[in-house]
Amino acid sequence: MAYITFENINKSFGKNHVLKGIDLEVEKGELLTLLGPSGCGKSTLLRCLAGLEEVQEGKIMLEGKDITNVDARLRQIGMVFQQYSLFPNMTVEQNLAFGLKIKKMGKEEIKKEVEYILELVGLKEKAKSYPSQLSGGQQQRVALARAIVTKPKVLLLDEPLSAIDAKLRKNLQIEIRRIQKELNITTIFVTHDQDEAMIMSDRICLLNEGKIEQLGTPIDVYTDPKTKFAAGFIGNYNVFTPAEFTTVTGEEYEKSHAIVIRPETISIRKEKYNRENCYEYQGTVVESIPRGNVLRYRVDVNGVLVSADTLFRSFSVFEEGTSVWMSVEKRNCLEVEDAI
């Protein structure tokens, strides 16, 4: 039996049907990421589990017990929001001790637990500091520490890193994952950032308009998208209609399914490749977009724009207007459905 089970969860706000029959299982100790665009229902599903939103239809189970209508305070679930919501008039250690005092733990036990969690999140030297004396990243670690110090059954993270700068965000992603693994705490993480989901997750649940579009490991979801939406949201695939695919490759494609190709699977150079089991086609470079250590080319192939990613080498860059050949293995051209 799964540790957490969502059964046919439906939720509406007025005429807006936000969650549409969600069925989902989460295993004990795993980190599951709810991924999707704004308005797809990921935060609402999280809040239903926490007891902050009422489920209109369906059932939520935790450790085999129905908690659908259990008071939020009795669910033993820790939650970290985008806002840190720390008590400004309390020190770091006082913020952490607050929840333990409510549980009526003894002073020595509270001290021991607070010291352990501060060590775990790397803030032992900030124990006597107030929130106003901490950086944004430090405040977020305090918020995380406060959520886990009470030893909840489940940890919920609702886009906790969205307000933090890119470099620190990367570090905190690694830190949160380390802490989650060390505590073996079942965690559900909400984000709209596909890179963050790939880094953080044991599994990714991709949501679209209140439904589960695809569920699987990061590698499975990235390399084997099942729908046009999944391909467009994860991996920045080229998505072609059958007619566009024929226009690009010059080969007839008789099926009605869309065809998707990851940009990094497409090779690009000035000369033709003449490789076996590949589609090869010629086009004109429209633009090149630096993306860190990757350079993305947009190439016009008979009126269809094709994206190809290469490692960024400043000594080998195709200028706009350059005629190039592109090659992709046939096995990397995937058929997908329009929707689940």
C-alpha atoms as a PDB file:
ATOM      1  CA  MET A   1       0.000   0.000   0.000  1.00  0.00           C
ATOM      2  CA  ALA A   2       1.243   3.480  -0.901  1.00  0.00           C
ATOM      3  CA  TYR A   3       2.150   5.891   1.884  1.00  0.00           C
ATOM      4  CA  ILE A   4      -0.086   8.645   0.435  1.00  0.00           C
ATOM      5  CA  THR A   5      -3.006   8.009  -1.896  1.00  0.00           C
ATOM      6  CA  PHE A   6      -5.178  10.516  -3.755  1.00  0.00           C
ATOM      7  CA  GLU A   7      -8.367   8.899  -5.071  1.00  0.00           C
ATOM      8  CA  ASN A   8     -10.495  10.735  -7.656  1.00  0.00           C
ATOM      9  CA  ILE A   9      -9.752  14.182  -6.186  1.00  0.00           C
ATOM     10  CA  ASN A  10     -11.987  16.927  -7.561  1.00  0.00           C
ATOM     11  CA  LYS A  11     -11.847  20.574  -6.562  1.00  0.00           C
ATOM     12  CA  SER A  12     -13.546  23.650  -7.995  1.00  0.00           C
ATOM     13  CA  PHE A  13     -13.496  27.321  -7.194  1.00  0.00           C
ATOM     14  CA  GLY A  14     -16.835  28.569  -8.448  1.00  0.00           C
ATOM     15  CA  LYS A  15     -17.064  27.517 -12.105  1.00  0.00           C
ATOM     16  CA  ASN A  16     -13.330  26.873 -12.313  1.00  0.00           C
ATOM     17  CA  HIS A  17     -12.739  23.099 -12.114  1.00  0.00           C
ATOM     18  CA  VAL A  18      -9.152  23.077 -10.799  1.00  0.00           C
ATOM     19  CA  LEU A  19      -8.599  19.381 -10.026  1.00  0.00           C
ATOM     20  CA  LYS A  20     -10.262  16.827 -12.294  1.00  0.00           C
ATOM     21  CA  GLY A  21     -10.297  13.308 -10.897  1.00  0.00           C
ATOM     22  CA  ILE A  22      -6.714  13.102  -9.662  1.00  0.00           C
ATOM     23  CA  ASP A  23      -5.502   9.562  -8.848  1.00  0.00           C
ATOM     24  CA  LEU A  24      -1.967   9.513  -7.467  1.00  0.00           C
ATOM     25  CA  GLU A  25       0.161   7.428  -5.100  1.00  0.00           C
ATOM     26  CA  VAL A  26       3.280   8.563  -3.234  1.00  0.00           C
ATOM     27  CA  GLU A  27       5.668   6.068  -1.670  1.00  0.00           C
ATOM     28  CA  LYS A  28       7.224   6.449   1.762  1.00  0.00           C
ATOM     29  CA  GLY A  29      10.536   8.312   1.703  1.00  0.00           C
ATOM     30  CA  GLU A  30      10.292   9.530  -1.899  1.00  0.00           C
ATOM     31  CA  LEU A  31      10.394  13.079  -3.186  1.00  0.00           C
ATOM     32  CA  LEU A  32       7.616  13.595  -5.687  1.00  0.00           C
ATOM     33  CA  THR A  33       7.500  16.850  -7.629  1.00  0.00           C
ATOM     34  CA  LEU A  34       4.242  18.341  -8.866  1.00  0.00           C
ATOM     35  CA  LEU A  35       5.293  20.159 -12.017  1.00  0.00           C
ATOM     36  CA  GLY A  36       3.274  22.314 -14.365  1.00  0.00           C
ATOM     37  CA  PRO A  37       2.373  25.842 -15.458  1.00  0.00           C
ATOM     38  CA  SER A  38       0.547  28.377 -13.298  1.00  0.00           C
ATOM     39  CA  GLY A  39      -3.079  27.410 -12.783  1.00  0.00           C
ATOM     40  CA  CYS A  40      -2.631  23.693 -13.488  1.00  0.00           C
ATOM     41  CA  GLY A  41      -3.699  22.700  -9.933  1.00  0.00           C
ATOM     42  CA  LYS A  42      -0.395  21.686  -8.348  1.00  0.00           C
ATOM     43  CA  SER A  43      -0.568  24.029  -5.306  1.00  0.00           C
ATOM     44  CA  THR A  44      -4.274  23.267  -4.836  1.00  0.00           C
ATOM     45  CA  LEU A  45      -3.535  19.533  -4.662  1.00  0.00           C
ATOM     46  CA  LEU A  46      -0.808  20.227  -2.104  1.00  0.00           C
ATOM     47  CA  ARG A  47      -3.174  22.338   0.006  1.00  0.00           C
ATOM     48  CA  CYS A  48      -5.826  19.603  -0.140  1.00  0.00           C
ATOM     49  CA  LEU A  49      -3.314  17.159   1.342  1.00  0.00           C
ATOM     50  CA  ALA A  50      -2.378  19.680   4.026  1.00  0.00           C
ATOM     51  CA  GLY A  51      -6.034  20.249   4.920  1.00  0.00           C
ATOM     52  CA  LEU A  52      -5.941  23.899   3.880  1.00  0.00           C
ATOM     53  CA  GLU A  53      -8.462  23.292   1.080  1.00  0.00           C
ATOM     54  CA  GLU A  54     -11.608  21.169   1.275  1.00  0.00           C
ATOM     55  CA  VAL A  55     -11.892  18.242  -1.119  1.00  0.00           C
ATOM     56  CA  GLN A  56     -15.265  18.296  -2.860  1.00  0.00           C
ATOM     57  CA  GLU A  57     -15.047  14.781  -4.203  1.00  0.00           C
ATOM     58  CA  GLY A  58     -12.605  11.941  -3.618  1.00  0.00           C
ATOM     59  CA  LYS A  59     -10.455  10.649  -0.785  1.00  0.00           C
ATOM     60  CA  ILE A  60      -6.970  11.240   0.609  1.00  0.00           C
ATOM     61  CA  MET A  61      -5.235   8.439   2.496  1.00  0.00           C
ATOM     62  CA  LEU A  62      -2.107   8.708   4.654  1.00  0.00           C
ATOM     63  CA  GLU A  63      -0.532   5.531   6.064  1.00  0.00           C
ATOM     64  CA  GLY A  64      -3.713   3.679   5.176  1.00  0.00           C
ATOM     65  CA  LYS A  65      -5.960   6.100   7.089  1.00  0.00           C
ATOM     66  CA  ASP A  66      -8.556   8.372   5.536  1.00  0.00           C
ATOM     67  CA  ILE A  67      -7.558  11.978   6.353  1.00  0.00           C
ATOM     68  CA  THR A  68      -9.878  13.682   3.849  1.00  0.00           C
ATOM     69  CA  ASN A  69     -11.865  15.430   6.574  1.00  0.00           C
ATOM     70  CA  VAL A  70      -9.269  15.436   9.374  1.00  0.00           C
ATOM     71  CA  ASP A  71      -8.410  18.860  10.820  1.00  0.00           C
ATOM     72  CA  ALA A  72      -5.211  20.275   9.313  1.00  0.00           C
ATOM     73  CA  ARG A  73      -3.607  20.567  12.764  1.00  0.00           C
ATOM     74  CA  LEU A  74      -3.986  16.827  13.336  1.00  0.00           C
ATOM     75  CA  ARG A  75      -2.505  15.594  10.059  1.00  0.00           C
ATOM     76  CA  GLN A  76       1.148  15.848  11.163  1.00  0.00           C
ATOM     77  CA  ILE A  77       2.167  17.527   7.928  1.00  0.00           C
ATOM     78  CA  GLY A  78       4.896  20.154   7.672  1.00  0.00           C
ATOM     79  CA  MET A  79       4.684  22.826   4.996  1.00  0.00           C
ATOM     80  CA  VAL A  80       7.045  25.457   3.586  1.00  0.00           C
ATOM     81  CA  PHE A  81       5.567  28.251   1.464  1.00  0.00           C
ATOM     82  CA  GLN A  82       7.054  30.832  -0.905  1.00  0.00           C
ATOM     83  CA  GLN A  83       6.897  33.323   1.958  1.00  0.00           C
ATOM     84  CA  TYR A  84       9.110  32.412   4.904  1.00  0.00           C
ATOM     85  CA  SER A  85       6.528  33.534   7.533  1.00  0.00           C
ATOM     86  CA  LEU A  86       9.058  33.484  10.364  1.00  0.00           C
ATOM     87  CA  PHE A  87       8.250  35.163  13.668  1.00  0.00           C
ATOM     88  CA  PRO A  88      10.234  38.436  13.407  1.00  0.00           C
ATOM     89  CA  ASN A  89      10.425  38.950  17.186  1.00  0.00           C
ATOM     90  CA  MET A  90      11.925  35.497  17.802  1.00  0.00           C
ATOM     91  CA  THR A  91      15.468  34.282  17.246  1.00  0.00           C
ATOM     92  CA  VAL A  92      16.173  31.369  14.927  1.00  0.00           C
ATOM     93  CA  GLU A  93      16.236  28.856  17.770  1.00  0.00           C
ATOM     94  CA  GLN A  94      13.042  30.334  19.233  1.00  0.00           C
ATOM     95  CA  ASN A  95      11.317  30.001  15.850  1.00  0.00           C
ATOM     96  CA  LEU A  96      12.303  26.351  15.752  1.00  0.00           C
ATOM     97  CA  ALA A  97      11.355  25.673  19.360  1.00  0.00           C
ATOM     98  CA  PHE A  98       7.873  27.170  18.988  1.00  0.00           C
ATOM     99  CA  GLY A  99       6.256  24.083  17.458  1.00  0.00           C
ATOM    100  CA  LEU A 100       7.956  21.777  19.959  1.00  0.00           C
ATOM    101  CA  LYS A 101       6.636  23.825  22.876  1.00  0.00           C
ATOM    102  CA  ILE A 102       3.117  23.439  21.501  1.00  0.00           C
ATOM    103  CA  LYS A 103       3.711  19.684  21.565  1.00  0.00           C
ATOM    104  CA  LYS A 104       4.626  20.142  25.256  1.00  0.00           C
ATOM    105  CA  MET A 105       8.117  18.677  24.931  1.00  0.00           C
ATOM    106  CA  GLY A 106      10.595  19.163  27.791  1.00  0.00           C
ATOM    107  CA  LYS A 107      13.208  21.943  27.680  1.00  0.00           C
ATOM    108  CA  GLU A 108      16.184  19.609  27.322  1.00  0.00           C
ATOM    109  CA  GLU A 109      14.513  17.621  24.565  1.00  0.00           C
ATOM    110  CA  ILE A 110      13.600  20.824  22.737  1.00  0.00           C
ATOM    111  CA  LYS A 111      17.175  22.084  23.023  1.00  0.00           C
ATOM    112  CA  LYS A 112      18.516  18.791  21.682  1.00  0.00           C
ATOM    113  CA  GLU A 113      16.126  18.713  18.710  1.00  0.00           C
ATOM    114  CA  VAL A 114      16.741  22.364  17.800  1.00  0.00           C
ATOM    115  CA  GLU A 115      20.515  21.922  17.911  1.00  0.00           C
ATOM    116  CA  TYR A 116      20.299  18.823  15.702  1.00  0.00           C
ATOM    117  CA  ILE A 117      18.136  20.533  13.065  1.00  0.00           C
ATOM    118  CA  LEU A 118      20.292  23.678  13.058  1.00  0.00           C
ATOM    119  CA  GLU A 119      23.323  21.497  12.438  1.00  0.00           C
ATOM    120  CA  LEU A 120      21.465  19.664   9.689  1.00  0.00           C
ATOM    121  CA  VAL A 121      20.570  22.870   7.802  1.00  0.00           C
ATOM    122  CA  GLY A 122      23.962  24.487   8.464  1.00  0.00           C
ATOM    123  CA  LEU A 123      22.737  27.367  10.641  1.00  0.00           C
ATOM    124  CA  LYS A 124      24.130  26.485  14.049  1.00  0.00           C
ATOM    125  CA  GLU A 125      26.060  29.776  14.223  1.00  0.00           C
ATOM    126  CA  LYS A 126      22.833  31.726  13.527  1.00  0.00           C
ATOM    127  CA  ALA A 127      20.859  30.311  16.458  1.00  0.00           C
ATOM    128  CA  LYS A 128      20.703  33.658  18.319  1.00  0.00           C
ATOM    129  CA  SER A 129      20.042  35.766  15.200  1.00  0.00           C
ATOM    130  CA  TYR A 130      16.691  37.307  14.301  1.00  0.00           C
ATOM    131  CA  PRO A 131      15.127  36.815  10.830  1.00  0.00           C
ATOM    132  CA  SER A 132      15.930  40.414   9.854  1.00  0.00           C
ATOM    133  CA  GLN A 133      19.623  39.619  10.351  1.00  0.00           C
ATOM    134  CA  LEU A 134      19.560  36.704   7.878  1.00  0.00           C
ATOM    135  CA  SER A 135      19.839  36.529   4.096  1.00  0.00           C
ATOM    136  CA  GLY A 136      16.941  35.244   2.020  1.00  0.00           C
ATOM    137  CA  GLY A 137      18.585  31.846   1.642  1.00  0.00           C
ATOM    138  CA  GLN A 138      19.204  31.582   5.375  1.00  0.00           C
ATOM    139  CA  GLN A 139      15.602  32.519   6.132  1.00  0.00           C
ATOM    140  CA  GLN A 140      14.406  29.828   3.756  1.00  0.00           C
ATOM    141  CA  ARG A 141      16.573  27.247   5.526  1.00  0.00           C
ATOM    142  CA  VAL A 142      15.076  28.347   8.859  1.00  0.00           C
ATOM    143  CA  ALA A 143      11.591  27.913   7.392  1.00  0.00           C
ATOM    144  CA  LEU A 144      12.573  24.414   6.237  1.00  0.00           C
ATOM    145  CA  ALA A 145      14.081  23.607   9.643  1.00  0.00           C
ATOM    146  CA  ARG A 146      10.931  24.780  11.408  1.00  0.00           C
ATOM    147  CA  ALA A 147       8.818  22.513   9.193  1.00  0.00           C
ATOM    148  CA  ILE A 148      10.890  19.381   9.868  1.00  0.00           C
ATOM    149  CA  VAL A 149      11.860  19.872  13.534  1.00  0.00           C
ATOM    150  CA  THR A 150       8.462  18.547  14.651  1.00  0.00           C
ATOM    151  CA  LYS A 151       9.112  15.332  12.670  1.00  0.00           C
ATOM    152  CA  PRO A 152       6.045  15.470  10.404  1.00  0.00           C
ATOM    153  CA  LYS A 153       4.857  12.434   8.490  1.00  0.00           C
ATOM    154  CA  VAL A 154       4.990  14.417   5.251  1.00  0.00           C
ATOM    155  CA  LEU A 155       6.863  17.543   4.149  1.00  0.00           C
ATOM    156  CA  LEU A 156       5.191  19.817   1.601  1.00  0.00           C
ATOM    157  CA  LEU A 157       7.196  22.454  -0.262  1.00  0.00           C
ATOM    158  CA  ASP A 158       5.191  24.980  -2.294  1.00  0.00           C
ATOM    159  CA  GLU A 159       7.655  26.721  -4.664  1.00  0.00           C
ATOM    160  CA  PRO A 160       9.926  27.605  -1.707  1.00  0.00           C
ATOM    161  CA  LEU A 161      12.821  28.792  -3.884  1.00  0.00           C
ATOM    162  CA  SER A 162      10.985  31.021  -6.355  1.00  0.00           C
ATOM    163  CA  ALA A 163      12.073  34.294  -4.711  1.00  0.00           C
ATOM    164  CA  ILE A 164      15.762  33.366  -4.423  1.00  0.00           C
ATOM    165  CA  ASP A 165      18.504  34.290  -6.907  1.00  0.00           C
ATOM    166  CA  ALA A 166      19.634  31.651  -9.416  1.00  0.00           C
ATOM    167  CA  LYS A 167      23.015  30.682  -7.906  1.00  0.00           C
ATOM    168  CA  LEU A 168      21.705  30.344  -4.356  1.00  0.00           C
ATOM    169  CA  ARG A 169      18.676  28.520  -5.661  1.00  0.00           C
ATOM    170  CA  LYS A 170      20.895  25.811  -7.161  1.00  0.00           C
ATOM    171  CA  ASN A 171      22.701  25.383  -3.842  1.00  0.00           C
ATOM    172  CA  LEU A 172      19.446  25.158  -1.894  1.00  0.00           C
ATOM    173  CA  GLN A 173      18.062  22.562  -4.306  1.00  0.00           C
ATOM    174  CA  ILE A 174      21.012  20.326  -3.467  1.00  0.00           C
ATOM    175  CA  GLU A 175      20.713  21.080   0.273  1.00  0.00           C
ATOM    176  CA  ILE A 176      16.994  20.317   0.412  1.00  0.00           C
ATOM    177  CA  ARG A 177      17.535  17.050  -1.429  1.00  0.00           C
ATOM    178  CA  ARG A 178      20.379  16.097   0.941  1.00  0.00           C
ATOM    179  CA  ILE A 179      18.261  16.828   4.017  1.00  0.00           C
ATOM    180  CA  GLN A 180      15.254  14.988   2.604  1.00  0.00           C
ATOM    181  CA  LYS A 181      17.349  11.894   1.955  1.00  0.00           C
ATOM    182  CA  GLU A 182      19.071  12.030   5.336  1.00  0.00           C
ATOM    183  CA  LEU A 183      15.745  12.213   7.174  1.00  0.00           C
ATOM    184  CA  ASN A 184      14.033   9.845   4.703  1.00  0.00           C
ATOM    185  CA  ILE A 185      10.981  12.087   4.929  1.00  0.00           C
ATOM    186  CA  THR A 186       8.209  11.704   2.361  1.00  0.00           C
ATOM    187  CA  THR A 187       8.163  14.988   0.454  1.00  0.00           C
ATOM    188  CA  ILE A 188       5.977  16.611  -2.186  1.00  0.00           C
ATOM    189  CA  PHE A 189       7.599  19.548  -3.945  1.00  0.00           C
ATOM    190  CA  VAL A 190       5.740  22.049  -6.140  1.00  0.00           C
ATOM    191  CA  THR A 191       7.485  23.954  -8.933  1.00  0.00           C
ATOM    192  CA  HIS A 192       6.917  25.260 -12.467  1.00  0.00           C
ATOM    193  CA  ASP A 193      10.652  24.969 -13.224  1.00  0.00           C
ATOM    194  CA  GLN A 194      11.481  21.808 -15.218  1.00  0.00           C
ATOM    195  CA  ASP A 195      15.207  22.009 -14.396  1.00  0.00           C
ATOM    196  CA  GLU A 196      14.414  22.178 -10.683  1.00  0.00           C
ATOM    197  CA  ALA A 197      12.102  19.180 -11.009  1.00  0.00           C
ATOM    198  CA  MET A 198      14.803  17.179 -12.804  1.00  0.00           C
ATOM    199  CA  ILE A 199      17.362  17.912 -10.077  1.00  0.00           C
ATOM    200  CA  MET A 200      15.131  17.369  -7.060  1.00  0.00           C
ATOM    201  CA  SER A 201      12.843  14.456  -7.828  1.00  0.00           C
ATOM    202  CA  ASP A 202      12.548  10.725  -7.466  1.00  0.00           C
ATOM    203  CA  ARG A 203       9.453  11.048  -9.646  1.00  0.00           C
ATOM    204  CA  ILE A 204       7.747  13.888 -11.486  1.00  0.00           C
ATOM    205  CA  CYS A 205       3.981  14.299 -11.747  1.00  0.00           C
ATOM    206  CA  LEU A 206       3.307  16.649 -14.649  1.00  0.00           C
ATOM    207  CA  LEU A 207      -0.052  18.415 -14.352  1.00  0.00           C
ATOM    208  CA  ASN A 208      -1.971  20.201 -17.078  1.00  0.00           C
ATOM    209  CA  GLU A 209      -5.342  21.882 -16.605  1.00  0.00           C
ATOM    210  CA  GLY A 210      -6.173  19.884 -13.487  1.00  0.00           C
ATOM    211  CA  LYS A 211      -5.209  16.466 -14.856  1.00  0.00           C
ATOM    212  CA  ILE A 212      -2.102  14.296 -14.667  1.00  0.00           C
ATOM    213  CA  GLU A 213      -0.408  14.529 -18.057  1.00  0.00           C
ATOM    214  CA  GLN A 214       2.461  12.173 -17.236  1.00  0.00           C
ATOM    215  CA  LEU A 215       3.998  10.486 -14.202  1.00  0.00           C
ATOM    216  CA  GLY A 216       7.460   8.940 -13.993  1.00  0.00           C
ATOM    217  CA  THR A 217      11.120   9.320 -13.099  1.00  0.00           C
ATOM    218  CA  PRO A 218      12.868  12.466 -14.364  1.00  0.00           C
ATOM    219  CA  ILE A 219      14.694  10.424 -17.017  1.00  0.00           C
ATOM    220  CA  ASP A 220      11.492   8.689 -18.184  1.00  0.00           C
ATOM    221  CA  VAL A 221       9.507  11.911 -18.424  1.00  0.00           C
ATOM    222  CA  TYR A 222      12.361  13.726 -20.179  1.00  0.00           C
ATOM    223  CA  THR A 223      13.302  11.051 -22.707  1.00  0.00           C
ATOM    224  CA  ASP A 224       9.885   9.524 -23.348  1.00  0.00           C
ATOM    225  CA  PRO A 225       7.140  12.192 -23.297  1.00  0.00           C
ATOM    226  CA  LYS A 226       3.690  10.788 -23.939  1.00  0.00           C
ATOM    227  CA  THR A 227       1.930  13.932 -25.174  1.00  0.00           C
ATOM    228  CA  LYS A 228       2.633  17.143 -27.085  1.00  0.00           C
ATOM    229  CA  PHE A 229       2.208  19.090 -23.840  1.00  0.00           C
ATOM    230  CA  ALA A 230       4.758  16.938 -21.986  1.00  0.00           C
ATOM    231  CA  ALA A 231       7.241  17.287 -24.837  1.00  0.00           C
ATOM    232  CA  GLY A 232       6.796  21.054 -24.958  1.00  0.00           C
ATOM    233  CA  PHE A 233       7.031  21.553 -21.201  1.00  0.00           C
ATOM    234  CA  ILE A 234       9.920  19.220 -20.393  1.00  0.00           C
ATOM    235  CA  GLY A 235      12.967  19.231 -22.626  1.00  0.00           C
ATOM    236  CA  ASN A 236      11.923  22.008 -25.025  1.00  0.00           C
ATOM    237  CA  TYR A 237      11.300  19.465 -27.753  1.00  0.00           C
ATOM    238  CA  ASN A 238      10.741  20.407 -31.362  1.00  0.00           C
ATOM    239  CA  VAL A 239       7.069  19.537 -31.921  1.00  0.00           C
ATOM    240  CA  PHE A 240       6.039  18.842 -35.536  1.00  0.00           C
ATOM    241  CA  THR A 241       2.732  18.031 -37.173  1.00  0.00           C
ATOM    242  CA  PRO A 242       2.957  15.173 -39.693  1.00  0.00           C
ATOM    243  CA  ALA A 243       2.946  17.732 -42.506  1.00  0.00           C
ATOM    244  CA  GLU A 244       5.765  19.751 -40.913  1.00  0.00           C
ATOM    245  CA  PHE A 245       7.791  16.591 -40.302  1.00  0.00           C
ATOM    246  CA  THR A 246       7.457  15.678 -43.980  1.00  0.00           C
ATOM    247  CA  THR A 247       8.465  19.218 -44.966  1.00  0.00           C
ATOM    248  CA  VAL A 248      11.613  19.029 -42.828  1.00  0.00           C
ATOM    249  CA  THR A 249      12.762  15.474 -43.585  1.00  0.00           C
ATOM    250  CA  GLY A 250      11.411  15.054 -47.107  1.00  0.00           C
ATOM    251  CA  GLU A 251       9.868  11.702 -46.149  1.00  0.00           C
ATOM    252  CA  GLU A 252       6.150  10.997 -46.126  1.00  0.00           C
ATOM    253  CA  TYR A 253       4.641  10.488 -42.683  1.00  0.00           C
ATOM    254  CA  GLU A 254       1.222   8.872 -42.865  1.00  0.00           C
ATOM    255  CA  LYS A 255       0.216   8.680 -39.193  1.00  0.00           C
ATOM    256  CA  SER A 256      -1.810  11.405 -37.450  1.00  0.00           C
ATOM    257  CA  HIS A 257       0.415  11.635 -34.339  1.00  0.00           C
ATOM    258  CA  ALA A 258       2.707  14.580 -33.699  1.00  0.00           C
ATOM    259  CA  ILE A 259       6.456  13.952 -33.843  1.00  0.00           C
ATOM    260  CA  VAL A 260       8.816  15.417 -31.247  1.00  0.00           C
ATOM    261  CA  ILE A 261      12.604  15.718 -31.259  1.00  0.00           C
ATOM    262  CA  ARG A 262      14.898  16.956 -28.485  1.00  0.00           C
ATOM    263  CA  PRO A 263      17.182  19.810 -29.654  1.00  0.00           C
ATOM    264  CA  GLU A 264      20.319  18.163 -28.244  1.00  0.00           C
ATOM    265  CA  THR A 265      19.783  15.041 -30.389  1.00  0.00           C
ATOM    266  CA  ILE A 266      20.124  17.083 -33.591  1.00  0.00           C
ATOM    267  CA  SER A 267      23.654  17.494 -34.976  1.00  0.00           C
ATOM    268  CA  ILE A 268      24.528  20.557 -37.059  1.00  0.00           C
ATOM    269  CA  ARG A 269      27.427  21.391 -39.389  1.00  0.00           C
ATOM    270  CA  LYS A 270      28.164  22.892 -42.831  1.00  0.00           C
ATOM    271  CA  GLU A 271      28.706  19.595 -44.657  1.00  0.00           C
ATOM    272  CA  LYS A 272      26.216  16.777 -45.204  1.00  0.00           C
ATOM    273  CA  TYR A 273      26.619  13.828 -42.787  1.00  0.00           C
ATOM    274  CA  ASN A 274      25.560  10.804 -44.890  1.00  0.00           C
ATOM    275  CA  ARG A 275      24.827   8.730 -41.771  1.00  0.00           C
ATOM    276  CA  GLU A 276      22.661   5.605 -41.757  1.00  0.00           C
ATOM    277  CA  ASN A 277      19.308   5.425 -39.978  1.00  0.00           C
ATOM    278  CA  CYS A 278      19.147   9.216 -39.785  1.00  0.00           C
ATOM    279  CA  TYR A 279      17.064  12.021 -41.192  1.00  0.00           C
ATOM    280  CA  GLU A 280      19.298  14.653 -42.807  1.00  0.00           C
ATOM    281  CA  TYR A 281      18.129  18.018 -44.055  1.00  0.00           C
ATOM    282  CA  GLN A 282      19.498  21.425 -45.019  1.00  0.00           C
ATOM    283  CA  GLY A 283      18.435  24.801 -43.640  1.00  0.00           C
ATOM    284  CA  THR A 284      19.454  28.359 -42.906  1.00  0.00           C
ATOM    285  CA  VAL A 285      20.447  29.657 -39.461  1.00  0.00           C
ATOM    286  CA  VAL A 286      17.905  32.245 -38.286  1.00  0.00           C
ATOM    287  CA  GLU A 287      19.401  32.973 -34.867  1.00  0.00           C
ATOM    288  CA  SER A 288      21.663  31.584 -32.154  1.00  0.00           C
ATOM    289  CA  ILE A 289      20.770  31.909 -28.480  1.00  0.00           C
ATOM    290  CA  PRO A 290      23.421  31.436 -25.742  1.00  0.00           C
ATOM    291  CA  ARG A 291      22.053  29.331 -22.858  1.00  0.00           C
ATOM    292  CA  GLY A 292      25.008  29.029 -20.485  1.00  0.00           C
ATOM    293  CA  ASN A 293      27.293  26.325 -21.855  1.00  0.00           C
ATOM    294  CA  VAL A 294      24.795  25.487 -24.599  1.00  0.00           C
ATOM    295  CA  LEU A 295      24.153  27.401 -27.817  1.00  0.00           C
ATOM    296  CA  ARG A 296      20.689  26.967 -29.291  1.00  0.00           C
ATOM    297  CA  TYR A 297      20.356  27.415 -33.039  1.00  0.00           C
ATOM    298  CA  ARG A 298      17.056  28.200 -34.705  1.00  0.00           C
ATOM    299  CA  VAL A 299      17.213  26.949 -38.288  1.00  0.00           C
ATOM    300  CA  ASP A 300      14.703  27.544 -41.093  1.00  0.00           C
ATOM    301  CA  VAL A 301      14.140  24.276 -42.941  1.00  0.00           C
ATOM    302  CA  ASN A 302      11.755  24.830 -45.852  1.00  0.00           C
ATOM    303  CA  GLY A 303       9.740  27.306 -43.805  1.00  0.00           C
ATOM    304  CA  VAL A 304       9.698  25.228 -40.598  1.00  0.00           C
ATOM    305  CA  LEU A 305      11.802  26.409 -37.634  1.00  0.00           C
ATOM    306  CA  VAL A 306      13.950  23.686 -36.046  1.00  0.00           C
ATOM    307  CA  SER A 307      15.905  24.094 -32.787  1.00  0.00           C
ATOM    308  CA  ALA A 308      19.272  22.374 -32.295  1.00  0.00           C
ATOM    309  CA  ASP A 309      21.475  22.572 -29.191  1.00  0.00           C
ATOM    310  CA  THR A 310      25.280  22.347 -29.261  1.00  0.00           C
ATOM    311  CA  LEU A 311      27.977  22.937 -26.680  1.00  0.00           C
ATOM    312  CA  PHE A 312      29.000  26.602 -26.761  1.00  0.00           C
ATOM    313  CA  ARG A 313      32.376  26.903 -28.479  1.00  0.00           C
ATOM    314  CA  SER A 314      33.161  30.542 -29.264  1.00  0.00           C
ATOM    315  CA  PHE A 315      35.583  29.510 -32.036  1.00  0.00           C
ATOM    316  CA  SER A 316      32.863  27.572 -33.887  1.00  0.00           C
ATOM    317  CA  VAL A 317      29.652  29.564 -34.158  1.00  0.00           C
ATOM    318  CA  PHE A 318      27.346  29.612 -37.184  1.00  0.00           C
ATOM    319  CA  GLU A 319      26.361  33.152 -38.095  1.00  0.00           C
ATOM    320  CA  GLU A 320      22.836  34.175 -39.032  1.00  0.00           C
ATOM    321  CA  GLY A 321      22.182  33.331 -42.687  1.00  0.00           C
ATOM    322  CA  THR A 322      24.635  30.410 -42.763  1.00  0.00           C
ATOM    323  CA  SER A 323      23.523  27.339 -44.729  1.00  0.00           C
ATOM    324  CA  VAL A 324      23.863  24.213 -42.543  1.00  0.00           C
ATOM    325  CA  TRP A 325      23.090  20.508 -42.593  1.00  0.00           C
ATOM    326  CA  MET A 326      21.262  18.881 -39.703  1.00  0.00           C
ATOM    327  CA  SER A 327      21.134  15.201 -38.810  1.00  0.00           C
ATOM    328  CA  VAL A 328      19.051  13.262 -36.282  1.00  0.00           C
ATOM    329  CA  GLU A 329      18.794   9.537 -35.659  1.00  0.00           C
ATOM    330  CA  LYS A 330      15.381   8.135 -36.530  1.00  0.00           C
ATOM    331  CA  ARG A 331      15.094   6.542 -33.084  1.00  0.00           C
ATOM    332  CA  ASN A 332      15.141  10.043 -31.563  1.00  0.00           C
ATOM    333  CA  CYS A 333      12.007  11.086 -33.461  1.00  0.00           C
ATOM    334  CA  LEU A 334       9.159  10.183 -31.103  1.00  0.00           C
ATOM    335  CA  GLU A 335       5.431   9.910 -31.759  1.00  0.00           C
ATOM    336  CA  VAL A 336       3.173  11.457 -29.135  1.00  0.00           C
ATOM    337  CA  GLU A 337      -0.545  11.887 -28.510  1.00  0.00           C
ATOM    338  CA  ASP A 338      -2.227  15.285 -28.394  1.00  0.00           C
ATOM    339  CA  ALA A 339      -3.299  14.739 -24.767  1.00  0.00           C
ATOM    340  CA  ILE A 340      -3.799  12.032 -22.190  1.00  0.00           C
END
